[in-house]
Amino acid sequence: MNKRDLARFKKLLTQQSEDIAGNVRKVLAGDIYVDPDDFPDEMDTASSEVSMQFTGRLREREQGLLSKIEAALEKIEEGTYGACRVCGEDIGVKRLRARPVAELCIECKSEQEKLESRTG
């Protein structure tokens, strides 16, 4: 991978990281305690709980993606970005454009998915 591609991926990953951090700040700023007595009926309470659970799942997913982005940025700094974690071969620019945090080449990812489908 050439320096220009690495610079593009670094910029892309940094922007994604900043976007996620901004989303988290927005969600946390709106995070308030909701007293169940404030709702007139059980349906409103249930709706509020579902919404809070959904927000929690989104936070977990964003945190996971943020960790992957940070790991990818570290690999760029180390000079190992774009190498498959399993076989060491180049992941390929097209795959990285589609998924900049990819750690596996397409062949190793396909093999991993086959194993996962067999085991559950």
PDB file of N, CA and C in Angstrom:
ATOM      1  N   MET A   1       0.858  -1.178   0.000  1.00  0.00           N
ATOM      2  CA  MET A   1       0.000   0.000   0.000  1.00  0.00           C
ATOM      3  C   MET A   1       0.901   1.238   0.000  1.00  0.00           C
ATOM      4  N   ASN A   2       0.554   2.199  -0.834  1.00  0.00           N
ATOM      5  CA  ASN A   2       1.397   3.384  -0.932  1.00  0.00           C
ATOM      6  C   ASN A   2       1.036   4.426   0.146  1.00  0.00           C
ATOM      7  N   LYS A   3       1.890   5.430   0.272  1.00  0.00           N
ATOM      8  CA  LYS A   3       1.720   6.451   1.313  1.00  0.00           C
ATOM      9  C   LYS A   3       0.436   7.245   1.126  1.00  0.00           C
ATOM     10  N   ARG A   4       0.073   7.476  -0.119  1.00  0.00           N
ATOM     11  CA  ARG A   4      -1.150   8.242  -0.392  1.00  0.00           C
ATOM     12  C   ARG A   4      -2.388   7.484   0.096  1.00  0.00           C
ATOM     13  N   ASP A   5      -2.427   6.168  -0.167  1.00  0.00           N
ATOM     14  CA  ASP A   5      -3.539   5.351   0.322  1.00  0.00           C
ATOM     15  C   ASP A   5      -3.578   5.354   1.848  1.00  0.00           C
ATOM     16  N   LEU A   6      -2.414   5.199   2.469  1.00  0.00           N
ATOM     17  CA  LEU A   6      -2.354   5.208   3.936  1.00  0.00           C
ATOM     18  C   LEU A   6      -2.865   6.535   4.501  1.00  0.00           C
ATOM     19  N   ALA A   7      -2.481   7.639   3.870  1.00  0.00           N
ATOM     20  CA  ALA A   7      -2.933   8.952   4.325  1.00  0.00           C
ATOM     21  C   ALA A   7      -4.450   9.077   4.195  1.00  0.00           C
ATOM     22  N   ARG A   8      -5.000   8.544   3.101  1.00  0.00           N
ATOM     23  CA  ARG A   8      -6.462   8.589   2.913  1.00  0.00           C
ATOM     24  C   ARG A   8      -7.174   7.777   3.988  1.00  0.00           C
ATOM     25  N   PHE A   9      -6.655   6.566   4.254  1.00  0.00           N
ATOM     26  CA  PHE A   9      -7.292   5.723   5.263  1.00  0.00           C
ATOM     27  C   PHE A   9      -7.162   6.341   6.653  1.00  0.00           C
ATOM     28  N   LYS A  10      -6.034   6.953   6.932  1.00  0.00           N
ATOM     29  CA  LYS A  10      -5.852   7.608   8.233  1.00  0.00           C
ATOM     30  C   LYS A  10      -6.865   8.743   8.392  1.00  0.00           C
ATOM     31  N   LYS A  11      -7.030   9.530   7.339  1.00  0.00           N
ATOM     32  CA  LYS A  11      -7.993  10.638   7.389  1.00  0.00           C
ATOM     33  C   LYS A  11      -9.417  10.104   7.562  1.00  0.00           C
ATOM     34  N   LEU A  12      -9.760   9.065   6.802  1.00  0.00           N
ATOM     35  CA  LEU A  12     -11.091   8.460   6.877  1.00  0.00           C
ATOM     36  C   LEU A  12     -11.360   7.902   8.276  1.00  0.00           C
ATOM     37  N   LEU A  13     -10.408   7.154   8.811  1.00  0.00           N
ATOM     38  CA  LEU A  13     -10.580   6.552  10.139  1.00  0.00           C
ATOM     39  C   LEU A  13     -10.655   7.619  11.227  1.00  0.00           C
ATOM     40  N   THR A  14      -9.842   8.643  11.106  1.00  0.00           N
ATOM     41  CA  THR A  14      -9.877   9.738  12.083  1.00  0.00           C
ATOM     42  C   THR A  14     -11.231  10.439  12.047  1.00  0.00           C
ATOM     43  N   GLN A  15     -11.758  10.670  10.847  1.00  0.00           N
ATOM     44  CA  GLN A  15     -13.070  11.317  10.707  1.00  0.00           C
ATOM     45  C   GLN A  15     -14.173  10.441  11.309  1.00  0.00           C
ATOM     46  N   GLN A  16     -14.117   9.129  11.042  1.00  0.00           N
ATOM     47  CA  GLN A  16     -15.107   8.222  11.619  1.00  0.00           C
ATOM     48  C   GLN A  16     -15.041   8.238  13.137  1.00  0.00           C
ATOM     49  N   SER A  17     -13.843   8.257  13.679  1.00  0.00           N
ATOM     50  CA  SER A  17     -13.656   8.299  15.127  1.00  0.00           C
ATOM     51  C   SER A  17     -14.260   9.575  15.718  1.00  0.00           C
ATOM     52  N   GLU A  18     -14.004  10.690  15.067  1.00  0.00           N
ATOM     53  CA  GLU A  18     -14.548  11.971  15.533  1.00  0.00           C
ATOM     54  C   GLU A  18     -16.077  11.987  15.438  1.00  0.00           C
ATOM     55  N   ASP A  19     -16.619  11.413  14.370  1.00  0.00           N
ATOM     56  CA  ASP A  19     -18.075  11.352  14.204  1.00  0.00           C
ATOM     57  C   ASP A  19     -18.715  10.525  15.319  1.00  0.00           C
ATOM     58  N   ILE A  20     -18.117   9.376  15.621  1.00  0.00           N
ATOM     59  CA  ILE A  20     -18.653   8.519  16.682  1.00  0.00           C
ATOM     60  C   ILE A  20     -18.560   9.226  18.025  1.00  0.00           C
ATOM     61  N   ALA A  21     -17.431   9.849  18.299  1.00  0.00           N
ATOM     62  CA  ALA A  21     -17.269  10.570  19.562  1.00  0.00           C
ATOM     63  C   ALA A  21     -18.317  11.683  19.678  1.00  0.00           C
ATOM     64  N   GLY A  22     -18.582  12.373  18.573  1.00  0.00           N
ATOM     65  CA  GLY A  22     -19.611  13.418  18.581  1.00  0.00           C
ATOM     66  C   GLY A  22     -20.997  12.850  18.843  1.00  0.00           C
ATOM     67  N   ASN A  23     -21.295  11.698  18.236  1.00  0.00           N
ATOM     68  CA  ASN A  23     -22.592  11.051  18.477  1.00  0.00           C
ATOM     69  C   ASN A  23     -22.740  10.636  19.930  1.00  0.00           C
ATOM     70  N   VAL A  24     -21.665  10.099  20.496  1.00  0.00           N
ATOM     71  CA  VAL A  24     -21.705   9.675  21.897  1.00  0.00           C
ATOM     72  C   VAL A  24     -21.950  10.876  22.799  1.00  0.00           C
ATOM     73  N   ARG A  25     -21.263  11.984  22.513  1.00  0.00           N
ATOM     74  CA  ARG A  25     -21.473  13.196  23.328  1.00  0.00           C
ATOM     75  C   ARG A  25     -22.924  13.666  23.248  1.00  0.00           C
ATOM     76  N   LYS A  26     -23.507  13.608  22.046  1.00  0.00           N
ATOM     77  CA  LYS A  26     -24.900  14.033  21.884  1.00  0.00           C
ATOM     78  C   LYS A  26     -25.844  13.143  22.682  1.00  0.00           C
ATOM     79  N   VAL A  27     -25.607  11.837  22.614  1.00  0.00           N
ATOM     80  CA  VAL A  27     -26.461  10.899  23.339  1.00  0.00           C
ATOM     81  C   VAL A  27     -26.318  11.108  24.832  1.00  0.00           C
ATOM     82  N   LEU A  28     -25.076  11.261  25.297  1.00  0.00           N
ATOM     83  CA  LEU A  28     -24.852  11.439  26.728  1.00  0.00           C
ATOM     84  C   LEU A  28     -25.431  12.759  27.223  1.00  0.00           C
ATOM     85  N   ALA A  29     -25.388  13.776  26.401  1.00  0.00           N
ATOM     86  CA  ALA A  29     -25.956  15.064  26.779  1.00  0.00           C
ATOM     87  C   ALA A  29     -27.467  14.966  26.955  1.00  0.00           C
ATOM     88  N   GLY A  30     -28.090  14.058  26.234  1.00  0.00           N
ATOM     89  CA  GLY A  30     -29.532  13.876  26.342  1.00  0.00           C
ATOM     90  C   GLY A  30     -29.918  12.817  27.350  1.00  0.00           C
ATOM     91  N   ASP A  31     -28.927  12.241  28.009  1.00  0.00           N
ATOM     92  CA  ASP A  31     -29.163  11.168  28.964  1.00  0.00           C
ATOM     93  C   ASP A  31     -29.685  11.749  30.278  1.00  0.00           C
ATOM     94  N   ILE A  32     -30.932  11.505  30.562  1.00  0.00           N
ATOM     95  CA  ILE A  32     -31.501  11.961  31.819  1.00  0.00           C
ATOM     96  C   ILE A  32     -32.233  10.809  32.480  1.00  0.00           C
ATOM     97  N   TYR A  33     -32.379  10.901  33.767  1.00  0.00           N
ATOM     98  CA  TYR A  33     -33.121   9.887  34.497  1.00  0.00           C
ATOM     99  C   TYR A  33     -34.611  10.092  34.222  1.00  0.00           C
ATOM    100  N   VAL A  34     -35.270   9.014  33.916  1.00  0.00           N
ATOM    101  CA  VAL A  34     -36.700   9.071  33.641  1.00  0.00           C
ATOM    102  C   VAL A  34     -37.428   8.381  34.783  1.00  0.00           C
ATOM    103  N   ASP A  35     -38.244   9.129  35.481  1.00  0.00           N
ATOM    104  CA  ASP A  35     -39.022   8.591  36.589  1.00  0.00           C
ATOM    105  C   ASP A  35     -40.277   7.942  36.026  1.00  0.00           C
ATOM    106  N   PRO A  36     -40.507   6.655  36.310  1.00  0.00           N
ATOM    107  CA  PRO A  36     -41.700   5.980  35.787  1.00  0.00           C
ATOM    108  C   PRO A  36     -43.009   6.657  36.198  1.00  0.00           C
ATOM    109  N   ASP A  37     -42.994   7.398  37.298  1.00  0.00           N
ATOM    110  CA  ASP A  37     -44.208   8.103  37.730  1.00  0.00           C
ATOM    111  C   ASP A  37     -44.568   9.244  36.790  1.00  0.00           C
ATOM    112  N   ASP A  38     -43.639   9.652  35.940  1.00  0.00           N
ATOM    113  CA  ASP A  38     -43.903  10.738  34.993  1.00  0.00           C
ATOM    114  C   ASP A  38     -44.770  10.287  33.821  1.00  0.00           C
ATOM    115  N   PHE A  39     -44.907   8.975  33.633  1.00  0.00           N
ATOM    116  CA  PHE A  39     -45.677   8.459  32.516  1.00  0.00           C
ATOM    117  C   PHE A  39     -47.081   8.087  32.984  1.00  0.00           C
ATOM    118  N   PRO A  40     -48.085   8.464  32.210  1.00  0.00           N
ATOM    119  CA  PRO A  40     -49.462   8.208  32.635  1.00  0.00           C
ATOM    120  C   PRO A  40     -49.872   6.735  32.561  1.00  0.00           C
ATOM    121  N   ASP A  41     -49.223   5.924  31.744  1.00  0.00           N
ATOM    122  CA  ASP A  41     -49.649   4.530  31.660  1.00  0.00           C
ATOM    123  C   ASP A  41     -48.465   3.601  31.391  1.00  0.00           C
ATOM    124  N   GLU A  42     -48.755   2.323  31.451  1.00  0.00           N
ATOM    125  CA  GLU A  42     -47.716   1.308  31.293  1.00  0.00           C
ATOM    126  C   GLU A  42     -47.117   1.309  29.889  1.00  0.00           C
ATOM    127  N   MET A  43     -47.893   1.628  28.878  1.00  0.00           N
ATOM    128  CA  MET A  43     -47.397   1.642  27.504  1.00  0.00           C
ATOM    129  C   MET A  43     -46.303   2.708  27.336  1.00  0.00           C
ATOM    130  N   ASP A  44     -46.496   3.877  27.920  1.00  0.00           N
ATOM    131  CA  ASP A  44     -45.477   4.919  27.842  1.00  0.00           C
ATOM    132  C   ASP A  44     -44.202   4.481  28.557  1.00  0.00           C
ATOM    133  N   THR A  45     -44.357   3.823  29.684  1.00  0.00           N
ATOM    134  CA  THR A  45     -43.202   3.332  30.433  1.00  0.00           C
ATOM    135  C   THR A  45     -42.458   2.285  29.620  1.00  0.00           C
ATOM    136  N   ALA A  46     -43.180   1.337  29.044  1.00  0.00           N
ATOM    137  CA  ALA A  46     -42.560   0.285  28.233  1.00  0.00           C
ATOM    138  C   ALA A  46     -41.854   0.883  27.026  1.00  0.00           C
ATOM    139  N   SER A  47     -42.474   1.843  26.380  1.00  0.00           N
ATOM    140  CA  SER A  47     -41.880   2.496  25.218  1.00  0.00           C
ATOM    141  C   SER A  47     -40.579   3.189  25.605  1.00  0.00           C
ATOM    142  N   SER A  48     -40.562   3.844  26.744  1.00  0.00           N
ATOM    143  CA  SER A  48     -39.366   4.523  27.222  1.00  0.00           C
ATOM    144  C   SER A  48     -38.252   3.518  27.505  1.00  0.00           C
ATOM    145  N   GLU A  49     -38.594   2.393  28.116  1.00  0.00           N
ATOM    146  CA  GLU A  49     -37.591   1.369  28.423  1.00  0.00           C
ATOM    147  C   GLU A  49     -37.003   0.767  27.154  1.00  0.00           C
ATOM    148  N   VAL A  50     -37.832   0.513  26.163  1.00  0.00           N
ATOM    149  CA  VAL A  50     -37.344  -0.016  24.894  1.00  0.00           C
ATOM    150  C   VAL A  50     -36.395   0.979  24.242  1.00  0.00           C
ATOM    151  N   SER A  51     -36.748   2.232  24.285  1.00  0.00           N
ATOM    152  CA  SER A  51     -35.910   3.270  23.702  1.00  0.00           C
ATOM    153  C   SER A  51     -34.553   3.339  24.409  1.00  0.00           C
ATOM    154  N   MET A  52     -34.553   3.237  25.725  1.00  0.00           N
ATOM    155  CA  MET A  52     -33.300   3.276  26.478  1.00  0.00           C
ATOM    156  C   MET A  52     -32.447   2.050  26.180  1.00  0.00           C
ATOM    157  N   GLN A  53     -33.071   0.880  26.023  1.00  0.00           N
ATOM    158  CA  GLN A  53     -32.328  -0.331  25.681  1.00  0.00           C
ATOM    159  C   GLN A  53     -31.701  -0.205  24.295  1.00  0.00           C
ATOM    160  N   PHE A  54     -32.454   0.333  23.364  1.00  0.00           N
ATOM    161  CA  PHE A  54     -31.954   0.528  22.007  1.00  0.00           C
ATOM    162  C   PHE A  54     -30.759   1.478  22.016  1.00  0.00           C
ATOM    163  N   THR A  55     -30.859   2.566  22.764  1.00  0.00           N
ATOM    164  CA  THR A  55     -29.768   3.522  22.875  1.00  0.00           C
ATOM    165  C   THR A  55     -28.532   2.856  23.472  1.00  0.00           C
ATOM    166  N   GLY A  56     -28.733   1.996  24.456  1.00  0.00           N
ATOM    167  CA  GLY A  56     -27.615   1.274  25.060  1.00  0.00           C
ATOM    168  C   GLY A  56     -26.921   0.357  24.077  1.00  0.00           C
ATOM    169  N   ARG A  57     -27.699  -0.344  23.261  1.00  0.00           N
ATOM    170  CA  ARG A  57     -27.108  -1.229  22.249  1.00  0.00           C
ATOM    171  C   ARG A  57     -26.321  -0.423  21.219  1.00  0.00           C
ATOM    172  N   LEU A  58     -26.849   0.737  20.831  1.00  0.00           N
ATOM    173  CA  LEU A  58     -26.128   1.585  19.884  1.00  0.00           C
ATOM    174  C   LEU A  58     -24.799   2.033  20.469  1.00  0.00           C
ATOM    175  N   ARG A  59     -24.803   2.401  21.737  1.00  0.00           N
ATOM    176  CA  ARG A  59     -23.559   2.819  22.392  1.00  0.00           C
ATOM    177  C   ARG A  59     -22.541   1.689  22.390  1.00  0.00           C
ATOM    178  N   GLU A  60     -22.983   0.473  22.681  1.00  0.00           N
ATOM    179  CA  GLU A  60     -22.081  -0.680  22.695  1.00  0.00           C
ATOM    180  C   GLU A  60     -21.477  -0.904  21.303  1.00  0.00           C
ATOM    181  N   ARG A  61     -22.305  -0.819  20.271  1.00  0.00           N
ATOM    182  CA  ARG A  61     -21.807  -1.012  18.906  1.00  0.00           C
ATOM    183  C   ARG A  61     -20.817   0.076  18.526  1.00  0.00           C
ATOM    184  N   GLU A  62     -21.145   1.328  18.878  1.00  0.00           N
ATOM    185  CA  GLU A  62     -20.240   2.430  18.556  1.00  0.00           C
ATOM    186  C   GLU A  62     -18.933   2.292  19.310  1.00  0.00           C
ATOM    187  N   GLN A  63     -18.984   1.835  20.556  1.00  0.00           N
ATOM    188  CA  GLN A  63     -17.764   1.639  21.329  1.00  0.00           C
ATOM    189  C   GLN A  63     -16.898   0.554  20.688  1.00  0.00           C
ATOM    190  N   GLY A  64     -17.530  -0.519  20.236  1.00  0.00           N
ATOM    191  CA  GLY A  64     -16.785  -1.577  19.552  1.00  0.00           C
ATOM    192  C   GLY A  64     -16.134  -1.078  18.283  1.00  0.00           C
ATOM    193  N   LEU A  65     -16.880  -0.309  17.491  1.00  0.00           N
ATOM    194  CA  LEU A  65     -16.328   0.244  16.252  1.00  0.00           C
ATOM    195  C   LEU A  65     -15.204   1.229  16.563  1.00  0.00           C
ATOM    196  N   LEU A  66     -15.379   2.019  17.598  1.00  0.00           N
ATOM    197  CA  LEU A  66     -14.343   2.971  17.987  1.00  0.00           C
ATOM    198  C   LEU A  66     -13.052   2.247  18.361  1.00  0.00           C
ATOM    199  N   SER A  67     -13.161   1.135  19.041  1.00  0.00           N
ATOM    200  CA  SER A  67     -11.974   0.337  19.394  1.00  0.00           C
ATOM    201  C   SER A  67     -11.281  -0.189  18.142  1.00  0.00           C
ATOM    202  N   LYS A  68     -12.064  -0.641  17.170  1.00  0.00           N
ATOM    203  CA  LYS A  68     -11.495  -1.140  15.920  1.00  0.00           C
ATOM    204  C   LYS A  68     -10.812  -0.014  15.146  1.00  0.00           C
ATOM    205  N   ILE A  69     -11.413   1.165  15.161  1.00  0.00           N
ATOM    206  CA  ILE A  69     -10.822   2.312  14.475  1.00  0.00           C
ATOM    207  C   ILE A  69      -9.493   2.681  15.123  1.00  0.00           C
ATOM    208  N   GLU A  70      -9.464   2.707  16.451  1.00  0.00           N
ATOM    209  CA  GLU A  70      -8.222   3.031  17.160  1.00  0.00           C
ATOM    210  C   GLU A  70      -7.133   2.008  16.843  1.00  0.00           C
ATOM    211  N   ALA A  71      -7.510   0.726  16.782  1.00  0.00           N
ATOM    212  CA  ALA A  71      -6.541  -0.321  16.446  1.00  0.00           C
ATOM    213  C   ALA A  71      -6.010  -0.132  15.024  1.00  0.00           C
ATOM    214  N   ALA A  72      -6.890   0.228  14.096  1.00  0.00           N
ATOM    215  CA  ALA A  72      -6.470   0.456  12.704  1.00  0.00           C
ATOM    216  C   ALA A  72      -5.519   1.649  12.615  1.00  0.00           C
ATOM    217  N   LEU A  73      -5.817   2.713  13.357  1.00  0.00           N
ATOM    218  CA  LEU A  73      -4.937   3.884  13.354  1.00  0.00           C
ATOM    219  C   LEU A  73      -3.562   3.539  13.937  1.00  0.00           C
ATOM    220  N   GLU A  74      -3.544   2.706  14.963  1.00  0.00           N
ATOM    221  CA  GLU A  74      -2.264   2.252  15.529  1.00  0.00           C
ATOM    222  C   GLU A  74      -1.473   1.447  14.497  1.00  0.00           C
ATOM    223  N   LYS A  75      -2.176   0.599  13.738  1.00  0.00           N
ATOM    224  CA  LYS A  75      -1.501  -0.192  12.702  1.00  0.00           C
ATOM    225  C   LYS A  75      -0.919   0.701  11.621  1.00  0.00           C
ATOM    226  N   ILE A  76      -1.609   1.780  11.299  1.00  0.00           N
ATOM    227  CA  ILE A  76      -1.073   2.726  10.315  1.00  0.00           C
ATOM    228  C   ILE A  76       0.233   3.307  10.843  1.00  0.00           C
ATOM    229  N   GLU A  77       0.244   3.713  12.109  1.00  0.00           N
ATOM    230  CA  GLU A  77       1.450   4.277  12.714  1.00  0.00           C
ATOM    231  C   GLU A  77       2.585   3.259  12.774  1.00  0.00           C
ATOM    232  N   GLU A  78       2.243   2.003  13.022  1.00  0.00           N
ATOM    233  CA  GLU A  78       3.248   0.940  13.121  1.00  0.00           C
ATOM    234  C   GLU A  78       3.723   0.456  11.755  1.00  0.00           C
ATOM    235  N   GLY A  79       2.952   0.767  10.723  1.00  0.00           N
ATOM    236  CA  GLY A  79       3.302   0.314   9.386  1.00  0.00           C
ATOM    237  C   GLY A  79       2.783  -1.075   9.054  1.00  0.00           C
ATOM    238  N   THR A  80       1.799  -1.548   9.824  1.00  0.00           N
ATOM    239  CA  THR A  80       1.250  -2.886   9.585  1.00  0.00           C
ATOM    240  C   THR A  80      -0.183  -2.858   9.069  1.00  0.00           C
ATOM    241  N   TYR A  81      -0.714  -1.676   8.813  1.00  0.00           N
ATOM    242  CA  TYR A  81      -2.095  -1.555   8.336  1.00  0.00           C
ATOM    243  C   TYR A  81      -2.215  -2.188   6.954  1.00  0.00           C
ATOM    244  N   GLY A  82      -3.284  -2.958   6.775  1.00  0.00           N
ATOM    245  CA  GLY A  82      -3.549  -3.567   5.479  1.00  0.00           C
ATOM    246  C   GLY A  82      -3.024  -4.982   5.360  1.00  0.00           C
ATOM    247  N   ALA A  83      -2.396  -5.487   6.417  1.00  0.00           N
ATOM    248  CA  ALA A  83      -1.905  -6.868   6.414  1.00  0.00           C
ATOM    249  C   ALA A  83      -2.898  -7.744   7.167  1.00  0.00           C
ATOM    250  N   CYS A  84      -3.230  -8.881   6.623  1.00  0.00           N
ATOM    251  CA  CYS A  84      -4.176  -9.812   7.239  1.00  0.00           C
ATOM    252  C   CYS A  84      -3.608 -10.313   8.568  1.00  0.00           C
ATOM    253  N   ARG A  85      -4.446 -10.297   9.586  1.00  0.00           N
ATOM    254  CA  ARG A  85      -4.060 -10.738  10.924  1.00  0.00           C
ATOM    255  C   ARG A  85      -3.737 -12.227  10.959  1.00  0.00           C
ATOM    256  N   VAL A  86      -4.334 -13.018  10.070  1.00  0.00           N
ATOM    257  CA  VAL A  86      -4.144 -14.471  10.077  1.00  0.00           C
ATOM    258  C   VAL A  86      -2.991 -14.905   9.183  1.00  0.00           C
ATOM    259  N   CYS A  87      -3.038 -14.533   7.903  1.00  0.00           N
ATOM    260  CA  CYS A  87      -2.051 -15.050   6.940  1.00  0.00           C
ATOM    261  C   CYS A  87      -0.932 -14.070   6.626  1.00  0.00           C
ATOM    262  N   GLY A  88      -1.135 -12.794   6.978  1.00  0.00           N
ATOM    263  CA  GLY A  88      -0.108 -11.794   6.720  1.00  0.00           C
ATOM    264  C   GLY A  88      -0.119 -11.199   5.332  1.00  0.00           C
ATOM    265  N   GLU A  89      -0.965 -11.712   4.452  1.00  0.00           N
ATOM    266  CA  GLU A  89      -1.055 -11.177   3.083  1.00  0.00           C
ATOM    267  C   GLU A  89      -1.762  -9.817   3.103  1.00  0.00           C
ATOM    268  N   ASP A  90      -1.594  -9.065   2.003  1.00  0.00           N
ATOM    269  CA  ASP A  90      -2.284  -7.775   1.887  1.00  0.00           C
ATOM    270  C   ASP A  90      -3.790  -7.999   1.839  1.00  0.00           C
ATOM    271  N   ILE A  91      -4.519  -7.159   2.549  1.00  0.00           N
ATOM    272  CA  ILE A  91      -5.981  -7.251   2.561  1.00  0.00           C
ATOM    273  C   ILE A  91      -6.551  -6.753   1.242  1.00  0.00           C
ATOM    274  N   GLY A  92      -5.987  -5.744   0.699  1.00  0.00           N
ATOM    275  CA  GLY A  92      -6.471  -5.204  -0.572  1.00  0.00           C
ATOM    276  C   GLY A  92      -7.193  -3.883  -0.368  1.00  0.00           C
ATOM    277  N   VAL A  93      -6.876  -2.943  -1.207  1.00  0.00           N
ATOM    278  CA  VAL A  93      -7.409  -1.591  -1.082  1.00  0.00           C
ATOM    279  C   VAL A  93      -8.931  -1.571  -1.248  1.00  0.00           C
ATOM    280  N   LYS A  94      -9.463  -2.371  -2.174  1.00  0.00           N
ATOM    281  CA  LYS A  94     -10.923  -2.377  -2.384  1.00  0.00           C
ATOM    282  C   LYS A  94     -11.650  -2.820  -1.121  1.00  0.00           C
ATOM    283  N   ARG A  95     -11.156  -3.856  -0.483  1.00  0.00           N
ATOM    284  CA  ARG A  95     -11.780  -4.333   0.761  1.00  0.00           C
ATOM    285  C   ARG A  95     -11.656  -3.280   1.853  1.00  0.00           C
ATOM    286  N   LEU A  96     -10.493  -2.649   1.959  1.00  0.00           N
ATOM    287  CA  LEU A  96     -10.295  -1.632   2.987  1.00  0.00           C
ATOM    288  C   LEU A  96     -11.153  -0.400   2.732  1.00  0.00           C
ATOM    289  N   ARG A  97     -11.408  -0.090   1.482  1.00  0.00           N
ATOM    290  CA  ARG A  97     -12.311   1.031   1.190  1.00  0.00           C
ATOM    291  C   ARG A  97     -13.730   0.708   1.677  1.00  0.00           C
ATOM    292  N   ALA A  98     -14.121  -0.543   1.492  1.00  0.00           N
ATOM    293  CA  ALA A  98     -15.456  -0.960   1.930  1.00  0.00           C
ATOM    294  C   ALA A  98     -15.530  -1.079   3.448  1.00  0.00           C
ATOM    295  N   ARG A  99     -14.442  -1.525   4.053  1.00  0.00           N
ATOM    296  CA  ARG A  99     -14.407  -1.734   5.511  1.00  0.00           C
ATOM    297  C   ARG A  99     -13.010  -1.378   6.016  1.00  0.00           C
ATOM    298  N   PRO A 100     -12.765  -0.099   6.305  1.00  0.00           N
ATOM    299  CA  PRO A 100     -11.426   0.352   6.690  1.00  0.00           C
ATOM    300  C   PRO A 100     -10.856  -0.311   7.947  1.00  0.00           C
ATOM    301  N   VAL A 101     -11.709  -0.904   8.773  1.00  0.00           N
ATOM    302  CA  VAL A 101     -11.228  -1.555   9.993  1.00  0.00           C
ATOM    303  C   VAL A 101     -11.005  -3.055   9.806  1.00  0.00           C
ATOM    304  N   ALA A 102     -11.080  -3.535   8.571  1.00  0.00           N
ATOM    305  CA  ALA A 102     -10.920  -4.963   8.297  1.00  0.00           C
ATOM    306  C   ALA A 102      -9.558  -5.450   8.774  1.00  0.00           C
ATOM    307  N   GLU A 103      -9.558  -6.603   9.430  1.00  0.00           N
ATOM    308  CA  GLU A 103      -8.314  -7.209   9.911  1.00  0.00           C
ATOM    309  C   GLU A 103      -7.958  -8.480   9.147  1.00  0.00           C
ATOM    310  N   LEU A 104      -8.897  -8.956   8.340  1.00  0.00           N
ATOM    311  CA  LEU A 104      -8.690 -10.204   7.607  1.00  0.00           C
ATOM    312  C   LEU A 104      -8.851  -9.969   6.113  1.00  0.00           C
ATOM    313  N   CYS A 105      -8.025 -10.675   5.331  1.00  0.00           N
ATOM    314  CA  CYS A 105      -8.207 -10.634   3.887  1.00  0.00           C
ATOM    315  C   CYS A 105      -9.508 -11.382   3.563  1.00  0.00           C
ATOM    316  N   ILE A 106      -9.968 -11.255   2.359  1.00  0.00           N
ATOM    317  CA  ILE A 106     -11.253 -11.844   1.982  1.00  0.00           C
ATOM    318  C   ILE A 106     -11.250 -13.366   2.132  1.00  0.00           C
ATOM    319  N   GLU A 107     -10.127 -14.004   1.817  1.00  0.00           N
ATOM    320  CA  GLU A 107     -10.052 -15.458   1.934  1.00  0.00           C
ATOM    321  C   GLU A 107     -10.155 -15.903   3.392  1.00  0.00           C
ATOM    322  N   CYS A 108      -9.400 -15.246   4.270  1.00  0.00           N
ATOM    323  CA  CYS A 108      -9.430 -15.618   5.696  1.00  0.00           C
ATOM    324  C   CYS A 108     -10.786 -15.284   6.319  1.00  0.00           C
ATOM    325  N   LYS A 109     -11.397 -14.187   5.898  1.00  0.00           N
ATOM    326  CA  LYS A 109     -12.719 -13.827   6.410  1.00  0.00           C
ATOM    327  C   LYS A 109     -13.747 -14.863   5.961  1.00  0.00           C
ATOM    328  N   SER A 110     -13.674 -15.291   4.725  1.00  0.00           N
ATOM    329  CA  SER A 110     -14.595 -16.320   4.227  1.00  0.00           C
ATOM    330  C   SER A 110     -14.437 -17.611   5.023  1.00  0.00           C
ATOM    331  N   GLU A 111     -13.198 -17.990   5.287  1.00  0.00           N
ATOM    332  CA  GLU A 111     -12.936 -19.199   6.072  1.00  0.00           C
ATOM    333  C   GLU A 111     -13.481 -19.048   7.497  1.00  0.00           C
ATOM    334  N   GLN A 112     -13.287 -17.886   8.079  1.00  0.00           N
ATOM    335  CA  GLN A 112     -13.813 -17.632   9.431  1.00  0.00           C
ATOM    336  C   GLN A 112     -15.335 -17.754   9.463  1.00  0.00           C
ATOM    337  N   GLU A 113     -15.999 -17.199   8.449  1.00  0.00           N
ATOM    338  CA  GLU A 113     -17.460 -17.275   8.385  1.00  0.00           C
ATOM    339  C   GLU A 113     -17.951 -18.712   8.199  1.00  0.00           C
ATOM    340  N   LYS A 114     -17.211 -19.494   7.410  1.00  0.00           N
ATOM    341  CA  LYS A 114     -17.574 -20.904   7.242  1.00  0.00           C
ATOM    342  C   LYS A 114     -17.484 -21.642   8.572  1.00  0.00           C
ATOM    343  N   LEU A 115     -16.404 -21.412   9.314  1.00  0.00           N
ATOM    344  CA  LEU A 115     -16.237 -22.061  10.616  1.00  0.00           C
ATOM    345  C   LEU A 115     -17.329 -21.636  11.591  1.00  0.00           C
ATOM    346  N   GLU A 116     -17.670 -20.346  11.578  1.00  0.00           N
ATOM    347  CA  GLU A 116     -18.726 -19.861  12.468  1.00  0.00           C
ATOM    348  C   GLU A 116     -20.068 -20.456  12.126  1.00  0.00           C
ATOM    349  N   SER A 117     -20.345 -20.643  10.843  1.00  0.00           N
ATOM    350  CA  SER A 117     -21.635 -21.205  10.450  1.00  0.00           C
ATOM    351  C   SER A 117     -21.732 -22.677  10.846  1.00  0.00           C
ATOM    352  N   ARG A 118     -20.601 -23.378  10.858  1.00  0.00           N
ATOM    353  CA  ARG A 118     -20.603 -24.791  11.259  1.00  0.00           C
ATOM    354  C   ARG A 118     -20.763 -24.957  12.763  1.00  0.00           C
ATOM    355  N   THR A 119     -20.210 -24.012  13.537  1.00  0.00           N
ATOM    356  CA  THR A 119     -20.223 -24.159  14.992  1.00  0.00           C
ATOM    357  C   THR A 119     -21.420 -23.491  15.655  1.00  0.00           C
ATOM    358  N   GLY A 120     -22.197 -22.770  14.934  1.00  0.00           N
ATOM    359  CA  GLY A 120     -23.380 -22.198  15.557  1.00  0.00           C
ATOM    360  C   GLY A 120     -23.691 -20.901  15.029  1.00  0.00           C
TER     361      GLY A 120
END
